[in-house]
Amino acid sequence: MSWIFAFFGVIARTASSVQGISMLILFPLTFLSNAFVPADTMPDWLQWFVNVNPVSHLVTAVRSLVNDGVVTGDVFVA
């Protein structure tokens, strides 16, 4: 994801346009992740997207590190 935003930083003219583009990408990814609601309570079609969402992997990795102190596979994916 950082390479995508670095690319936008190179082609955009101002920093505020890069911020706007990044919000267009991150806003839906955040709300379509397991950051606010557990994935098993979501419909099947949304669970599929949550499982491949990079924000979900990041949230799961941080939760496992903070709550249990366990390094899971999500840490490496994130």
N, C-alpha and C. Protein backbone atom coordinates (compact mmCIF):
# COMPACT_ATOMS: atom_id res chain seq x y z
N MET A 1 0.82 -1.18 0.00
CA MET A 1 0.00 0.00 0.00
C MET A 1 0.87 1.25 0.00
N SER A 2 2.01 1.18 0.64
CA SER A 2 2.87 2.37 0.67
C SER A 2 3.38 2.73 -0.71
N TRP A 3 3.60 1.73 -1.57
CA TRP A 3 4.05 2.02 -2.92
C TRP A 3 2.97 2.72 -3.72
N ILE A 4 1.72 2.37 -3.47
CA ILE A 4 0.62 3.04 -4.16
C ILE A 4 0.59 4.51 -3.80
N PHE A 5 0.70 4.80 -2.51
CA PHE A 5 0.67 6.19 -2.08
C PHE A 5 1.94 6.94 -2.49
N ALA A 6 3.06 6.25 -2.56
CA ALA A 6 4.29 6.89 -3.06
C ALA A 6 4.12 7.25 -4.53
N PHE A 7 3.46 6.40 -5.29
CA PHE A 7 3.19 6.70 -6.70
C PHE A 7 2.31 7.93 -6.83
N PHE A 8 1.25 8.00 -6.01
CA PHE A 8 0.39 9.18 -6.04
C PHE A 8 1.16 10.44 -5.62
N GLY A 9 2.09 10.29 -4.71
CA GLY A 9 2.90 11.42 -4.30
C GLY A 9 3.79 11.94 -5.41
N VAL A 10 4.22 11.04 -6.29
CA VAL A 10 5.08 11.46 -7.40
C VAL A 10 4.26 12.14 -8.50
N ILE A 11 3.07 11.63 -8.79
CA ILE A 11 2.30 12.17 -9.91
C ILE A 11 1.41 13.35 -9.53
N ALA A 12 1.09 13.52 -8.25
CA ALA A 12 0.21 14.62 -7.84
C ALA A 12 0.99 15.92 -7.72
N ARG A 13 0.27 17.02 -7.84
CA ARG A 13 0.93 18.33 -7.82
C ARG A 13 1.09 18.88 -6.40
N THR A 14 0.14 18.58 -5.52
CA THR A 14 0.20 19.14 -4.17
C THR A 14 0.02 18.04 -3.14
N ALA A 15 0.43 18.34 -1.93
CA ALA A 15 0.29 17.37 -0.84
C ALA A 15 -1.17 17.15 -0.48
N SER A 16 -1.98 18.18 -0.61
CA SER A 16 -3.40 18.02 -0.28
C SER A 16 -4.11 17.12 -1.28
N SER A 17 -3.69 17.11 -2.53
CA SER A 17 -4.30 16.20 -3.48
C SER A 17 -3.92 14.75 -3.18
N VAL A 18 -2.70 14.54 -2.74
CA VAL A 18 -2.29 13.18 -2.33
C VAL A 18 -3.10 12.73 -1.13
N GLN A 19 -3.33 13.64 -0.19
CA GLN A 19 -4.14 13.31 0.98
C GLN A 19 -5.57 12.98 0.57
N GLY A 20 -6.13 13.70 -0.36
CA GLY A 20 -7.48 13.41 -0.83
C GLY A 20 -7.58 12.07 -1.53
N ILE A 21 -6.59 11.76 -2.36
CA ILE A 21 -6.57 10.48 -3.04
C ILE A 21 -6.42 9.34 -2.04
N SER A 22 -5.56 9.52 -1.06
CA SER A 22 -5.35 8.46 -0.07
C SER A 22 -6.60 8.23 0.77
N MET A 23 -7.34 9.29 1.07
CA MET A 23 -8.58 9.11 1.83
C MET A 23 -9.63 8.37 1.02
N LEU A 24 -9.65 8.59 -0.31
CA LEU A 24 -10.58 7.86 -1.17
C LEU A 24 -10.30 6.36 -1.14
N ILE A 25 -9.06 6.00 -0.92
CA ILE A 25 -8.68 4.58 -0.87
C ILE A 25 -8.84 4.03 0.54
N LEU A 26 -8.35 4.73 1.55
CA LEU A 26 -8.34 4.21 2.91
C LEU A 26 -9.70 4.24 3.61
N PHE A 27 -10.54 5.20 3.27
CA PHE A 27 -11.84 5.30 3.93
C PHE A 27 -12.69 4.05 3.72
N PRO A 28 -12.89 3.59 2.48
CA PRO A 28 -13.68 2.35 2.33
C PRO A 28 -12.97 1.12 2.88
N LEU A 29 -11.64 1.07 2.76
CA LEU A 29 -10.92 -0.09 3.28
C LEU A 29 -11.04 -0.20 4.79
N THR A 30 -11.08 0.93 5.48
CA THR A 30 -11.20 0.91 6.93
C THR A 30 -12.58 0.43 7.37
N PHE A 31 -13.61 0.94 6.73
CA PHE A 31 -14.96 0.57 7.13
C PHE A 31 -15.37 -0.81 6.63
N LEU A 32 -14.66 -1.34 5.64
CA LEU A 32 -14.92 -2.70 5.16
C LEU A 32 -13.87 -3.66 5.71
N SER A 33 -13.47 -3.45 6.94
CA SER A 33 -12.50 -4.32 7.61
C SER A 33 -13.09 -4.80 8.93
N ASN A 34 -12.30 -5.51 9.69
CA ASN A 34 -12.74 -6.00 10.99
C ASN A 34 -12.33 -5.05 12.12
N ALA A 35 -12.11 -3.78 11.80
CA ALA A 35 -11.68 -2.82 12.81
C ALA A 35 -12.79 -2.48 13.79
N PHE A 36 -14.02 -2.45 13.34
CA PHE A 36 -15.12 -2.03 14.19
C PHE A 36 -16.05 -3.17 14.59
N VAL A 37 -16.17 -4.18 13.72
CA VAL A 37 -17.10 -5.29 13.93
C VAL A 37 -16.36 -6.59 13.64
N PRO A 38 -16.56 -7.64 14.45
CA PRO A 38 -15.92 -8.92 14.14
C PRO A 38 -16.38 -9.45 12.78
N ALA A 39 -15.45 -10.06 12.07
CA ALA A 39 -15.74 -10.52 10.71
C ALA A 39 -16.77 -11.64 10.68
N ASP A 40 -16.86 -12.45 11.73
CA ASP A 40 -17.81 -13.56 11.70
C ASP A 40 -19.26 -13.11 11.84
N THR A 41 -19.52 -11.86 12.17
CA THR A 41 -20.89 -11.35 12.25
C THR A 41 -21.34 -10.72 10.94
N MET A 42 -20.48 -10.69 9.95
CA MET A 42 -20.79 -10.07 8.67
C MET A 42 -21.36 -11.08 7.69
N PRO A 43 -22.05 -10.62 6.64
CA PRO A 43 -22.53 -11.54 5.60
C PRO A 43 -21.36 -12.23 4.89
N ASP A 44 -21.64 -13.34 4.24
CA ASP A 44 -20.59 -14.13 3.61
C ASP A 44 -19.81 -13.35 2.56
N TRP A 45 -20.52 -12.57 1.73
CA TRP A 45 -19.82 -11.84 0.67
C TRP A 45 -18.89 -10.78 1.26
N LEU A 46 -19.28 -10.21 2.39
CA LEU A 46 -18.43 -9.21 3.03
C LEU A 46 -17.29 -9.86 3.80
N GLN A 47 -17.51 -11.05 4.34
CA GLN A 47 -16.43 -11.76 5.03
C GLN A 47 -15.29 -12.07 4.07
N TRP A 48 -15.64 -12.39 2.83
CA TRP A 48 -14.60 -12.66 1.84
C TRP A 48 -13.72 -11.43 1.65
N PHE A 49 -14.34 -10.26 1.50
CA PHE A 49 -13.56 -9.04 1.30
C PHE A 49 -12.76 -8.66 2.55
N VAL A 50 -13.35 -8.87 3.71
CA VAL A 50 -12.65 -8.57 4.96
C VAL A 50 -11.41 -9.44 5.10
N ASN A 51 -11.49 -10.68 4.67
CA ASN A 51 -10.35 -11.60 4.80
C ASN A 51 -9.19 -11.25 3.87
N VAL A 52 -9.45 -10.53 2.78
CA VAL A 52 -8.36 -10.15 1.87
C VAL A 52 -7.98 -8.68 2.02
N ASN A 53 -8.66 -7.96 2.88
CA ASN A 53 -8.43 -6.55 3.09
C ASN A 53 -7.13 -6.35 3.88
N PRO A 54 -6.19 -5.53 3.40
CA PRO A 54 -4.94 -5.33 4.14
C PRO A 54 -5.14 -4.62 5.48
N VAL A 55 -6.17 -3.81 5.59
CA VAL A 55 -6.44 -3.13 6.86
C VAL A 55 -6.87 -4.17 7.90
N SER A 56 -7.62 -5.18 7.50
CA SER A 56 -8.03 -6.24 8.43
C SER A 56 -6.83 -6.99 8.97
N HIS A 57 -5.85 -7.26 8.11
CA HIS A 57 -4.65 -7.95 8.56
C HIS A 57 -3.87 -7.09 9.55
N LEU A 58 -3.81 -5.81 9.30
CA LEU A 58 -3.12 -4.91 10.21
C LEU A 58 -3.82 -4.84 11.55
N VAL A 59 -5.14 -4.74 11.55
CA VAL A 59 -5.91 -4.67 12.80
C VAL A 59 -5.76 -5.97 13.59
N THR A 60 -5.84 -7.10 12.91
CA THR A 60 -5.70 -8.39 13.59
C THR A 60 -4.29 -8.55 14.17
N ALA A 61 -3.28 -8.10 13.44
CA ALA A 61 -1.91 -8.19 13.94
C ALA A 61 -1.71 -7.33 15.18
N VAL A 62 -2.22 -6.12 15.16
CA VAL A 62 -2.07 -5.24 16.31
C VAL A 62 -2.83 -5.77 17.50
N ARG A 63 -4.03 -6.29 17.27
CA ARG A 63 -4.82 -6.85 18.38
C ARG A 63 -4.11 -8.03 19.02
N SER A 64 -3.56 -8.91 18.20
CA SER A 64 -2.89 -10.08 18.78
C SER A 64 -1.61 -9.69 19.52
N LEU A 65 -0.90 -8.69 19.02
CA LEU A 65 0.30 -8.24 19.71
C LEU A 65 -0.01 -7.53 21.03
N VAL A 66 -1.02 -6.69 21.02
CA VAL A 66 -1.33 -5.90 22.21
C VAL A 66 -2.05 -6.75 23.26
N ASN A 67 -3.04 -7.53 22.83
CA ASN A 67 -3.83 -8.29 23.80
C ASN A 67 -3.12 -9.52 24.33
N ASP A 68 -2.47 -10.28 23.45
CA ASP A 68 -1.88 -11.55 23.85
C ASP A 68 -0.36 -11.56 23.82
N GLY A 69 0.25 -10.60 23.14
CA GLY A 69 1.70 -10.60 22.98
C GLY A 69 2.18 -11.68 22.05
N VAL A 70 1.32 -12.11 21.15
CA VAL A 70 1.63 -13.21 20.24
C VAL A 70 1.87 -12.66 18.83
N VAL A 71 2.94 -13.11 18.21
CA VAL A 71 3.22 -12.75 16.83
C VAL A 71 2.56 -13.78 15.94
N THR A 72 1.57 -13.36 15.16
CA THR A 72 0.85 -14.27 14.26
C THR A 72 1.28 -14.03 12.82
N GLY A 73 0.70 -14.78 11.93
CA GLY A 73 0.99 -14.61 10.51
C GLY A 73 0.54 -13.28 9.95
N ASP A 74 -0.44 -12.65 10.63
CA ASP A 74 -0.91 -11.35 10.17
C ASP A 74 0.15 -10.27 10.32
N VAL A 75 1.05 -10.44 11.24
CA VAL A 75 2.14 -9.47 11.40
C VAL A 75 2.99 -9.45 10.14
N PHE A 76 3.27 -10.61 9.58
CA PHE A 76 4.11 -10.70 8.40
C PHE A 76 3.34 -10.23 7.16
N VAL A 77 2.03 -10.48 7.12
CA VAL A 77 1.22 -10.00 6.00
C VAL A 77 1.12 -8.49 6.03
N ALA A 78 0.96 -7.95 7.22
CA ALA A 78 0.84 -6.49 7.35
C ALA A 78 2.16 -5.81 7.06
